[in-house]
Amino acid sequence: TMQRAEDVAASYGESIRRAIERHKHYPRAARLRRIQGLVTVAFTVAADGSISGLRAVGGAPSPLEQAALDAVRAVGKFASIPRETGKTSLEFRIPMAFSLD
């Protein structure tokens, strides 16, 4: 059903977000200079879980932007897109907060 496909896609999206968060590191230089902010990363995931079109869209100063991109790259490849979604690729925009408080 359509609802089932949406639920599976939402669950898959959450697993993508968690995988990226596990690889997120606050840059030491940014921490020392107390640089904080929100970076949104955008990318496409293919059916096999490979990543393309990775970019930062708006957001924080460059050390944080670089750290956000590095977190996605560090994942390498996500799990394959579940067949139940009916999709062969999915677009993601993931906001990543870098906060010292």
PDB file of N, CA and C in Angstrom:
ATOM      1  N   THR A   1       0.836  -1.195   0.000  1.00  0.00           N
ATOM      2  CA  THR A   1       0.000   0.000   0.000  1.00  0.00           C
ATOM      3  C   THR A   1       0.875   1.250   0.000  1.00  0.00           C
ATOM      4  N   MET A   2       0.251   2.356  -0.342  1.00  0.00           N
ATOM      5  CA  MET A   2       0.970   3.633  -0.380  1.00  0.00           C
ATOM      6  C   MET A   2       1.483   4.008   1.011  1.00  0.00           C
ATOM      7  N   GLN A   3       0.646   3.806   2.037  1.00  0.00           N
ATOM      8  CA  GLN A   3       1.048   4.138   3.408  1.00  0.00           C
ATOM      9  C   GLN A   3       2.235   3.282   3.835  1.00  0.00           C
ATOM     10  N   ARG A   4       2.198   2.007   3.511  1.00  0.00           N
ATOM     11  CA  ARG A   4       3.299   1.105   3.855  1.00  0.00           C
ATOM     12  C   ARG A   4       4.600   1.580   3.200  1.00  0.00           C
ATOM     13  N   ALA A   5       4.532   1.949   1.935  1.00  0.00           N
ATOM     14  CA  ALA A   5       5.721   2.434   1.222  1.00  0.00           C
ATOM     15  C   ALA A   5       6.267   3.693   1.891  1.00  0.00           C
ATOM     16  N   GLU A   6       5.366   4.591   2.299  1.00  0.00           N
ATOM     17  CA  GLU A   6       5.793   5.823   2.976  1.00  0.00           C
ATOM     18  C   GLU A   6       6.427   5.517   4.327  1.00  0.00           C
ATOM     19  N   ASP A   7       5.847   4.569   5.063  1.00  0.00           N
ATOM     20  CA  ASP A   7       6.400   4.182   6.367  1.00  0.00           C
ATOM     21  C   ASP A   7       7.795   3.576   6.212  1.00  0.00           C
ATOM     22  N   VAL A   8       7.946   2.715   5.220  1.00  0.00           N
ATOM     23  CA  VAL A   8       9.246   2.079   4.973  1.00  0.00           C
ATOM     24  C   VAL A   8      10.269   3.141   4.567  1.00  0.00           C
ATOM     25  N   ALA A   9       9.865   4.076   3.713  1.00  0.00           N
ATOM     26  CA  ALA A   9      10.770   5.148   3.281  1.00  0.00           C
ATOM     27  C   ALA A   9      11.169   6.030   4.468  1.00  0.00           C
ATOM     28  N   ALA A  10      10.214   6.330   5.344  1.00  0.00           N
ATOM     29  CA  ALA A  10      10.505   7.156   6.527  1.00  0.00           C
ATOM     30  C   ALA A  10      11.481   6.436   7.455  1.00  0.00           C
ATOM     31  N   SER A  11      11.267   5.157   7.649  1.00  0.00           N
ATOM     32  CA  SER A  11      12.142   4.359   8.501  1.00  0.00           C
ATOM     33  C   SER A  11      13.551   4.284   7.900  1.00  0.00           C
ATOM     34  N   TYR A  12      13.618   4.111   6.596  1.00  0.00           N
ATOM     35  CA  TYR A  12      14.908   4.075   5.907  1.00  0.00           C
ATOM     36  C   TYR A  12      15.622   5.422   6.066  1.00  0.00           C
ATOM     37  N   GLY A  13      14.879   6.508   5.899  1.00  0.00           N
ATOM     38  CA  GLY A  13      15.449   7.847   6.068  1.00  0.00           C
ATOM     39  C   GLY A  13      16.015   8.049   7.460  1.00  0.00           C
ATOM     40  N   GLU A  14      15.320   7.531   8.454  1.00  0.00           N
ATOM     41  CA  GLU A  14      15.797   7.639   9.837  1.00  0.00           C
ATOM     42  C   GLU A  14      17.095   6.846  10.015  1.00  0.00           C
ATOM     43  N   SER A  15      17.194   5.693   9.384  1.00  0.00           N
ATOM     44  CA  SER A  15      18.425   4.894   9.490  1.00  0.00           C
ATOM     45  C   SER A  15      19.595   5.615   8.810  1.00  0.00           C
ATOM     46  N   ILE A  16      19.309   6.335   7.735  1.00  0.00           N
ATOM     47  CA  ILE A  16      20.330   7.136   7.042  1.00  0.00           C
ATOM     48  C   ILE A  16      20.840   8.234   7.982  1.00  0.00           C
ATOM     49  N   ARG A  17      19.894   8.935   8.614  1.00  0.00           N
ATOM     50  CA  ARG A  17      20.254  10.028   9.523  1.00  0.00           C
ATOM     51  C   ARG A  17      21.110   9.510  10.687  1.00  0.00           C
ATOM     52  N   ARG A  18      20.713   8.372  11.255  1.00  0.00           N
ATOM     53  CA  ARG A  18      21.469   7.797  12.381  1.00  0.00           C
ATOM     54  C   ARG A  18      22.879   7.395  11.955  1.00  0.00           C
ATOM     55  N   ALA A  19      23.007   6.814  10.776  1.00  0.00           N
ATOM     56  CA  ALA A  19      24.328   6.397  10.282  1.00  0.00           C
ATOM     57  C   ALA A  19      25.251   7.605  10.141  1.00  0.00           C
ATOM     58  N   ILE A  20      24.715   8.700   9.624  1.00  0.00           N
ATOM     59  CA  ILE A  20      25.520   9.916   9.458  1.00  0.00           C
ATOM     60  C   ILE A  20      25.913  10.483  10.822  1.00  0.00           C
ATOM     61  N   GLU A  21      24.958  10.541  11.739  1.00  0.00           N
ATOM     62  CA  GLU A  21      25.243  11.078  13.079  1.00  0.00           C
ATOM     63  C   GLU A  21      26.352  10.284  13.773  1.00  0.00           C
ATOM     64  N   ARG A  22      26.380   8.977  13.559  1.00  0.00           N
ATOM     65  CA  ARG A  22      27.425   8.138  14.183  1.00  0.00           C
ATOM     66  C   ARG A  22      28.815   8.521  13.692  1.00  0.00           C
ATOM     67  N   HIS A  23      28.897   9.093  12.504  1.00  0.00           N
ATOM     68  CA  HIS A  23      30.191   9.456  11.919  1.00  0.00           C
ATOM     69  C   HIS A  23      30.517  10.944  12.056  1.00  0.00           C
ATOM     70  N   LYS A  24      29.648  11.682  12.723  1.00  0.00           N
ATOM     71  CA  LYS A  24      29.855  13.129  12.858  1.00  0.00           C
ATOM     72  C   LYS A  24      30.899  13.414  13.935  1.00  0.00           C
ATOM     73  N   HIS A  25      31.865  14.239  13.588  1.00  0.00           N
ATOM     74  CA  HIS A  25      32.887  14.666  14.549  1.00  0.00           C
ATOM     75  C   HIS A  25      32.950  16.186  14.539  1.00  0.00           C
ATOM     76  N   TYR A  26      32.990  16.758  15.716  1.00  0.00           N
ATOM     77  CA  TYR A  26      33.102  18.215  15.829  1.00  0.00           C
ATOM     78  C   TYR A  26      34.559  18.584  15.577  1.00  0.00           C
ATOM     79  N   PRO A  27      34.836  19.404  14.579  1.00  0.00           N
ATOM     80  CA  PRO A  27      36.238  19.754  14.301  1.00  0.00           C
ATOM     81  C   PRO A  27      36.874  20.472  15.495  1.00  0.00           C
ATOM     82  N   ARG A  28      38.076  20.057  15.836  1.00  0.00           N
ATOM     83  CA  ARG A  28      38.768  20.624  16.990  1.00  0.00           C
ATOM     84  C   ARG A  28      38.930  22.140  16.858  1.00  0.00           C
ATOM     85  N   ALA A  29      39.332  22.591  15.675  1.00  0.00           N
ATOM     86  CA  ALA A  29      39.529  24.033  15.459  1.00  0.00           C
ATOM     87  C   ALA A  29      38.224  24.799  15.663  1.00  0.00           C
ATOM     88  N   ALA A  30      37.133  24.230  15.201  1.00  0.00           N
ATOM     89  CA  ALA A  30      35.825  24.879  15.364  1.00  0.00           C
ATOM     90  C   ALA A  30      35.424  24.899  16.836  1.00  0.00           C
ATOM     91  N   ARG A  31      35.719  23.809  17.534  1.00  0.00           N
ATOM     92  CA  ARG A  31      35.399  23.733  18.963  1.00  0.00           C
ATOM     93  C   ARG A  31      36.197  24.792  19.736  1.00  0.00           C
ATOM     94  N   LEU A  32      37.490  24.888  19.445  1.00  0.00           N
ATOM     95  CA  LEU A  32      38.344  25.853  20.143  1.00  0.00           C
ATOM     96  C   LEU A  32      37.901  27.287  19.887  1.00  0.00           C
ATOM     97  N   ARG A  33      37.444  27.544  18.669  1.00  0.00           N
ATOM     98  CA  ARG A  33      36.989  28.894  18.315  1.00  0.00           C
ATOM     99  C   ARG A  33      35.504  29.089  18.614  1.00  0.00           C
ATOM    100  N   ARG A  34      34.910  28.073  19.217  1.00  0.00           N
ATOM    101  CA  ARG A  34      33.497  28.095  19.612  1.00  0.00           C
ATOM    102  C   ARG A  34      32.564  28.381  18.429  1.00  0.00           C
ATOM    103  N   ILE A  35      32.905  27.795  17.291  1.00  0.00           N
ATOM    104  CA  ILE A  35      32.056  27.927  16.105  1.00  0.00           C
ATOM    105  C   ILE A  35      30.939  26.892  16.203  1.00  0.00           C
ATOM    106  N   GLN A  36      29.713  27.357  16.062  1.00  0.00           N
ATOM    107  CA  GLN A  36      28.554  26.479  16.116  1.00  0.00           C
ATOM    108  C   GLN A  36      27.681  26.752  14.896  1.00  0.00           C
ATOM    109  N   GLY A  37      26.773  25.843  14.627  1.00  0.00           N
ATOM    110  CA  GLY A  37      25.848  26.107  13.533  1.00  0.00           C
ATOM    111  C   GLY A  37      25.138  24.865  13.046  1.00  0.00           C
ATOM    112  N   LEU A  38      24.307  25.084  12.053  1.00  0.00           N
ATOM    113  CA  LEU A  38      23.527  24.015  11.442  1.00  0.00           C
ATOM    114  C   LEU A  38      23.956  23.901   9.984  1.00  0.00           C
ATOM    115  N   VAL A  39      24.287  22.690   9.582  1.00  0.00           N
ATOM    116  CA  VAL A  39      24.658  22.432   8.191  1.00  0.00           C
ATOM    117  C   VAL A  39      23.651  21.434   7.637  1.00  0.00           C
ATOM    118  N   THR A  40      23.117  21.711   6.468  1.00  0.00           N
ATOM    119  CA  THR A  40      22.244  20.746   5.809  1.00  0.00           C
ATOM    120  C   THR A  40      23.017  20.118   4.662  1.00  0.00           C
ATOM    121  N   VAL A  41      23.083  18.790   4.684  1.00  0.00           N
ATOM    122  CA  VAL A  41      23.724  18.073   3.587  1.00  0.00           C
ATOM    123  C   VAL A  41      22.630  17.491   2.702  1.00  0.00           C
ATOM    124  N   ALA A  42      22.872  17.522   1.408  1.00  0.00           N
ATOM    125  CA  ALA A  42      21.922  16.973   0.443  1.00  0.00           C
ATOM    126  C   ALA A  42      22.662  15.960  -0.418  1.00  0.00           C
ATOM    127  N   PHE A  43      21.968  14.883  -0.762  1.00  0.00           N
ATOM    128  CA  PHE A  43      22.576  13.842  -1.585  1.00  0.00           C
ATOM    129  C   PHE A  43      21.493  12.897  -2.084  1.00  0.00           C
ATOM    130  N   THR A  44      21.879  12.069  -3.025  1.00  0.00           N
ATOM    131  CA  THR A  44      20.991  11.047  -3.573  1.00  0.00           C
ATOM    132  C   THR A  44      21.540   9.683  -3.191  1.00  0.00           C
ATOM    133  N   VAL A  45      20.648   8.796  -2.795  1.00  0.00           N
ATOM    134  CA  VAL A  45      21.030   7.410  -2.518  1.00  0.00           C
ATOM    135  C   VAL A  45      20.424   6.547  -3.622  1.00  0.00           C
ATOM    136  N   ALA A  46      21.277   5.755  -4.276  1.00  0.00           N
ATOM    137  CA  ALA A  46      20.822   4.842  -5.328  1.00  0.00           C
ATOM    138  C   ALA A  46      20.278   3.564  -4.697  1.00  0.00           C
ATOM    139  N   ALA A  47      19.634   2.749  -5.512  1.00  0.00           N
ATOM    140  CA  ALA A  47      19.019   1.507  -5.029  1.00  0.00           C
ATOM    141  C   ALA A  47      19.990   0.649  -4.221  1.00  0.00           C
ATOM    142  N   ASP A  48      21.264   0.629  -4.640  1.00  0.00           N
ATOM    143  CA  ASP A  48      22.257  -0.210  -3.954  1.00  0.00           C
ATOM    144  C   ASP A  48      22.852   0.458  -2.712  1.00  0.00           C
ATOM    145  N   GLY A  49      22.382   1.673  -2.388  1.00  0.00           N
ATOM    146  CA  GLY A  49      22.871   2.373  -1.200  1.00  0.00           C
ATOM    147  C   GLY A  49      24.026   3.320  -1.465  1.00  0.00           C
ATOM    148  N   SER A  50      24.486   3.380  -2.710  1.00  0.00           N
ATOM    149  CA  SER A  50      25.602   4.282  -3.014  1.00  0.00           C
ATOM    150  C   SER A  50      25.124   5.735  -3.014  1.00  0.00           C
ATOM    151  N   ILE A  51      26.064   6.631  -2.727  1.00  0.00           N
ATOM    152  CA  ILE A  51      25.767   8.054  -2.550  1.00  0.00           C
ATOM    153  C   ILE A  51      26.281   8.835  -3.752  1.00  0.00           C
ATOM    154  N   SER A  52      25.483   9.789  -4.222  1.00  0.00           N
ATOM    155  CA  SER A  52      25.953  10.690  -5.278  1.00  0.00           C
ATOM    156  C   SER A  52      25.419  12.093  -5.019  1.00  0.00           C
ATOM    157  N   GLY A  53      26.040  13.057  -5.674  1.00  0.00           N
ATOM    158  CA  GLY A  53      25.567  14.438  -5.593  1.00  0.00           C
ATOM    159  C   GLY A  53      25.665  15.055  -4.210  1.00  0.00           C
ATOM    160  N   LEU A  54      26.624  14.604  -3.416  1.00  0.00           N
ATOM    161  CA  LEU A  54      26.761  15.119  -2.049  1.00  0.00           C
ATOM    162  C   LEU A  54      27.169  16.581  -2.065  1.00  0.00           C
ATOM    163  N   ARG A  55      26.430  17.389  -1.310  1.00  0.00           N
ATOM    164  CA  ARG A  55      26.748  18.814  -1.207  1.00  0.00           C
ATOM    165  C   ARG A  55      26.165  19.379   0.085  1.00  0.00           C
ATOM    166  N   ALA A  56      26.728  20.486   0.506  1.00  0.00           N
ATOM    167  CA  ALA A  56      26.173  21.219   1.645  1.00  0.00           C
ATOM    168  C   ALA A  56      25.290  22.315   1.070  1.00  0.00           C
ATOM    169  N   VAL A  57      24.104  22.447   1.613  1.00  0.00           N
ATOM    170  CA  VAL A  57      23.177  23.470   1.123  1.00  0.00           C
ATOM    171  C   VAL A  57      22.886  24.448   2.250  1.00  0.00           C
ATOM    172  N   GLY A  58      23.457  25.610   2.137  1.00  0.00           N
ATOM    173  CA  GLY A  58      23.272  26.617   3.175  1.00  0.00           C
ATOM    174  C   GLY A  58      23.887  26.149   4.475  1.00  0.00           C
ATOM    175  N   GLY A  59      24.093  27.040   5.356  1.00  0.00           N
ATOM    176  CA  GLY A  59      24.517  26.572   6.652  1.00  0.00           C
ATOM    177  C   GLY A  59      25.695  27.286   7.249  1.00  0.00           C
ATOM    178  N   ALA A  60      26.396  26.534   8.017  1.00  0.00           N
ATOM    179  CA  ALA A  60      27.382  27.025   8.961  1.00  0.00           C
ATOM    180  C   ALA A  60      28.729  27.326   8.304  1.00  0.00           C
ATOM    181  N   PRO A  61      29.651  27.878   9.092  1.00  0.00           N
ATOM    182  CA  PRO A  61      31.001  28.148   8.593  1.00  0.00           C
ATOM    183  C   PRO A  61      31.676  26.884   8.048  1.00  0.00           C
ATOM    184  N   SER A  62      32.641  27.097   7.167  1.00  0.00           N
ATOM    185  CA  SER A  62      33.226  25.996   6.408  1.00  0.00           C
ATOM    186  C   SER A  62      33.801  24.831   7.213  1.00  0.00           C
ATOM    187  N   PRO A  63      34.420  25.027   8.399  1.00  0.00           N
ATOM    188  CA  PRO A  63      34.909  23.824   9.089  1.00  0.00           C
ATOM    189  C   PRO A  63      33.761  22.871   9.449  1.00  0.00           C
ATOM    190  N   LEU A  64      32.607  23.442   9.783  1.00  0.00           N
ATOM    191  CA  LEU A  64      31.459  22.602  10.123  1.00  0.00           C
ATOM    192  C   LEU A  64      30.863  21.983   8.864  1.00  0.00           C
ATOM    193  N   GLU A  65      30.834  22.762   7.801  1.00  0.00           N
ATOM    194  CA  GLU A  65      30.339  22.254   6.523  1.00  0.00           C
ATOM    195  C   GLU A  65      31.181  21.052   6.089  1.00  0.00           C
ATOM    196  N   GLN A  66      32.499  21.198   6.201  1.00  0.00           N
ATOM    197  CA  GLN A  66      33.406  20.111   5.823  1.00  0.00           C
ATOM    198  C   GLN A  66      33.188  18.885   6.710  1.00  0.00           C
ATOM    199  N   ALA A  67      32.989  19.103   8.002  1.00  0.00           N
ATOM    200  CA  ALA A  67      32.763  17.989   8.931  1.00  0.00           C
ATOM    201  C   ALA A  67      31.472  17.250   8.592  1.00  0.00           C
ATOM    202  N   ALA A  68      30.452  17.996   8.192  1.00  0.00           N
ATOM    203  CA  ALA A  68      29.174  17.382   7.825  1.00  0.00           C
ATOM    204  C   ALA A  68      29.339  16.522   6.570  1.00  0.00           C
ATOM    205  N   LEU A  69      30.029  17.054   5.576  1.00  0.00           N
ATOM    206  CA  LEU A  69      30.273  16.291   4.346  1.00  0.00           C
ATOM    207  C   LEU A  69      31.121  15.055   4.642  1.00  0.00           C
ATOM    208  N   ASP A  70      32.127  15.230   5.504  1.00  0.00           N
ATOM    209  CA  ASP A  70      32.991  14.103   5.873  1.00  0.00           C
ATOM    210  C   ASP A  70      32.196  12.999   6.573  1.00  0.00           C
ATOM    211  N   ALA A  71      31.204  13.385   7.374  1.00  0.00           N
ATOM    212  CA  ALA A  71      30.389  12.390   8.078  1.00  0.00           C
ATOM    213  C   ALA A  71      29.628  11.516   7.087  1.00  0.00           C
ATOM    214  N   VAL A  72      29.097  12.136   6.042  1.00  0.00           N
ATOM    215  CA  VAL A  72      28.378  11.355   5.019  1.00  0.00           C
ATOM    216  C   VAL A  72      29.363  10.464   4.267  1.00  0.00           C
ATOM    217  N   ARG A  73      30.504  11.040   3.890  1.00  0.00           N
ATOM    218  CA  ARG A  73      31.512  10.248   3.160  1.00  0.00           C
ATOM    219  C   ARG A  73      32.000   9.069   3.994  1.00  0.00           C
ATOM    220  N   ALA A  74      32.117   9.263   5.304  1.00  0.00           N
ATOM    221  CA  ALA A  74      32.623   8.211   6.191  1.00  0.00           C
ATOM    222  C   ALA A  74      31.689   7.001   6.231  1.00  0.00           C
ATOM    223  N   VAL A  75      30.407   7.235   6.009  1.00  0.00           N
ATOM    224  CA  VAL A  75      29.467   6.108   5.963  1.00  0.00           C
ATOM    225  C   VAL A  75      29.829   5.212   4.782  1.00  0.00           C
ATOM    226  N   GLY A  76      30.254   5.834   3.693  1.00  0.00           N
ATOM    227  CA  GLY A  76      30.674   5.086   2.514  1.00  0.00           C
ATOM    228  C   GLY A  76      29.507   4.681   1.649  1.00  0.00           C
ATOM    229  N   LYS A  77      28.684   3.815   2.190  1.00  0.00           N
ATOM    230  CA  LYS A  77      27.533   3.310   1.450  1.00  0.00           C
ATOM    231  C   LYS A  77      26.461   2.949   2.465  1.00  0.00           C
ATOM    232  N   PHE A  78      25.239   3.307   2.163  1.00  0.00           N
ATOM    233  CA  PHE A  78      24.130   2.975   3.047  1.00  0.00           C
ATOM    234  C   PHE A  78      23.565   1.608   2.671  1.00  0.00           C
ATOM    235  N   ALA A  79      22.669   1.113   3.490  1.00  0.00           N
ATOM    236  CA  ALA A  79      21.949  -0.117   3.143  1.00  0.00           C
ATOM    237  C   ALA A  79      21.163   0.142   1.860  1.00  0.00           C
ATOM    238  N   SER A  80      20.908  -0.900   1.120  1.00  0.00           N
ATOM    239  CA  SER A  80      20.106  -0.768  -0.102  1.00  0.00           C
ATOM    240  C   SER A  80      18.727  -0.212   0.232  1.00  0.00           C
ATOM    241  N   ILE A  81      18.162   0.520  -0.708  1.00  0.00           N
ATOM    242  CA  ILE A  81      16.807   1.054  -0.521  1.00  0.00           C
ATOM    243  C   ILE A  81      15.836  -0.132  -0.466  1.00  0.00           C
ATOM    244  N   PRO A  82      14.994  -0.182   0.558  1.00  0.00           N
ATOM    245  CA  PRO A  82      14.035  -1.293   0.647  1.00  0.00           C
ATOM    246  C   PRO A  82      13.116  -1.343  -0.581  1.00  0.00           C
ATOM    247  N   ARG A  83      12.929  -2.522  -1.096  1.00  0.00           N
ATOM    248  CA  ARG A  83      12.103  -2.718  -2.294  1.00  0.00           C
ATOM    249  C   ARG A  83      10.687  -2.178  -2.086  1.00  0.00           C
ATOM    250  N   GLU A  84      10.193  -2.269  -0.845  1.00  0.00           N
ATOM    251  CA  GLU A  84       8.818  -1.842  -0.539  1.00  0.00           C
ATOM    252  C   GLU A  84       8.566  -0.361  -0.822  1.00  0.00           C
ATOM    253  N   THR A  85       9.633   0.425  -0.894  1.00  0.00           N
ATOM    254  CA  THR A  85       9.437   1.854  -1.170  1.00  0.00           C
ATOM    255  C   THR A  85       9.010   2.079  -2.620  1.00  0.00           C
ATOM    256  N   GLY A  86       9.328   1.127  -3.481  1.00  0.00           N
ATOM    257  CA  GLY A  86       9.023   1.289  -4.896  1.00  0.00           C
ATOM    258  C   GLY A  86       9.936   2.296  -5.583  1.00  0.00           C
ATOM    259  N   LYS A  87      11.022   2.676  -4.920  1.00  0.00           N
ATOM    260  CA  LYS A  87      11.934   3.700  -5.451  1.00  0.00           C
ATOM    261  C   LYS A  87      13.269   3.088  -5.855  1.00  0.00           C
ATOM    262  N   THR A  88      13.857   3.641  -6.905  1.00  0.00           N
ATOM    263  CA  THR A  88      15.197   3.205  -7.307  1.00  0.00           C
ATOM    264  C   THR A  88      16.257   4.197  -6.842  1.00  0.00           C
ATOM    265  N   SER A  89      15.810   5.369  -6.379  1.00  0.00           N
ATOM    266  CA  SER A  89      16.718   6.327  -5.749  1.00  0.00           C
ATOM    267  C   SER A  89      15.892   7.229  -4.839  1.00  0.00           C
ATOM    268  N   LEU A  90      16.559   7.789  -3.856  1.00  0.00           N
ATOM    269  CA  LEU A  90      15.897   8.702  -2.923  1.00  0.00           C
ATOM    270  C   LEU A  90      16.792   9.909  -2.694  1.00  0.00           C
ATOM    271  N   GLU A  91      16.170  11.079  -2.635  1.00  0.00           N
ATOM    272  CA  GLU A  91      16.882  12.326  -2.344  1.00  0.00           C
ATOM    273  C   GLU A  91      16.761  12.603  -0.848  1.00  0.00           C
ATOM    274  N   PHE A  92      17.859  13.028  -0.251  1.00  0.00           N
ATOM    275  CA  PHE A  92      17.832  13.368   1.168  1.00  0.00           C
ATOM    276  C   PHE A  92      18.393  14.761   1.398  1.00  0.00           C
ATOM    277  N   ARG A  93      17.820  15.440   2.368  1.00  0.00           N
ATOM    278  CA  ARG A  93      18.347  16.699   2.915  1.00  0.00           C
ATOM    279  C   ARG A  93      18.357  16.496   4.422  1.00  0.00           C
ATOM    280  N   ILE A  94      19.548  16.397   4.977  1.00  0.00           N
ATOM    281  CA  ILE A  94      19.695  16.078   6.397  1.00  0.00           C
ATOM    282  C   ILE A  94      20.333  17.260   7.127  1.00  0.00           C
ATOM    283  N   PRO A  95      19.600  17.877   8.058  1.00  0.00           N
ATOM    284  CA  PRO A  95      20.207  18.944   8.855  1.00  0.00           C
ATOM    285  C   PRO A  95      21.089  18.350   9.950  1.00  0.00           C
ATOM    286  N   MET A  96      22.262  18.927  10.124  1.00  0.00           N
ATOM    287  CA  MET A  96      23.197  18.461  11.149  1.00  0.00           C
ATOM    288  C   MET A  96      23.576  19.633  12.041  1.00  0.00           C
ATOM    289  N   ALA A  97      23.261  19.498  13.313  1.00  0.00           N
ATOM    290  CA  ALA A  97      23.556  20.566  14.270  1.00  0.00           C
ATOM    291  C   ALA A  97      24.927  20.341  14.898  1.00  0.00           C
ATOM    292  N   PHE A  98      25.686  21.400  14.964  1.00  0.00           N
ATOM    293  CA  PHE A  98      26.964  21.393  15.676  1.00  0.00           C
ATOM    294  C   PHE A  98      26.818  22.416  16.793  1.00  0.00           C
ATOM    295  N   SER A  99      26.685  21.917  18.006  1.00  0.00           N
ATOM    296  CA  SER A  99      26.432  22.790  19.145  1.00  0.00           C
ATOM    297  C   SER A  99      27.352  22.427  20.297  1.00  0.00           C
ATOM    298  N   LEU A 100      27.883  23.438  20.960  1.00  0.00           N
ATOM    299  CA  LEU A 100      28.809  23.210  22.075  1.00  0.00           C
ATOM    300  C   LEU A 100      28.102  23.189  23.424  1.00  0.00           C
ATOM    301  N   ASP A 101      26.824  23.504  23.447  1.00  0.00           N
ATOM    302  CA  ASP A 101      26.119  23.566  24.735  1.00  0.00           C
ATOM    303  C   ASP A 101      25.466  22.251  25.090  1.00  0.00           C
TER     304      ASP A 101
END
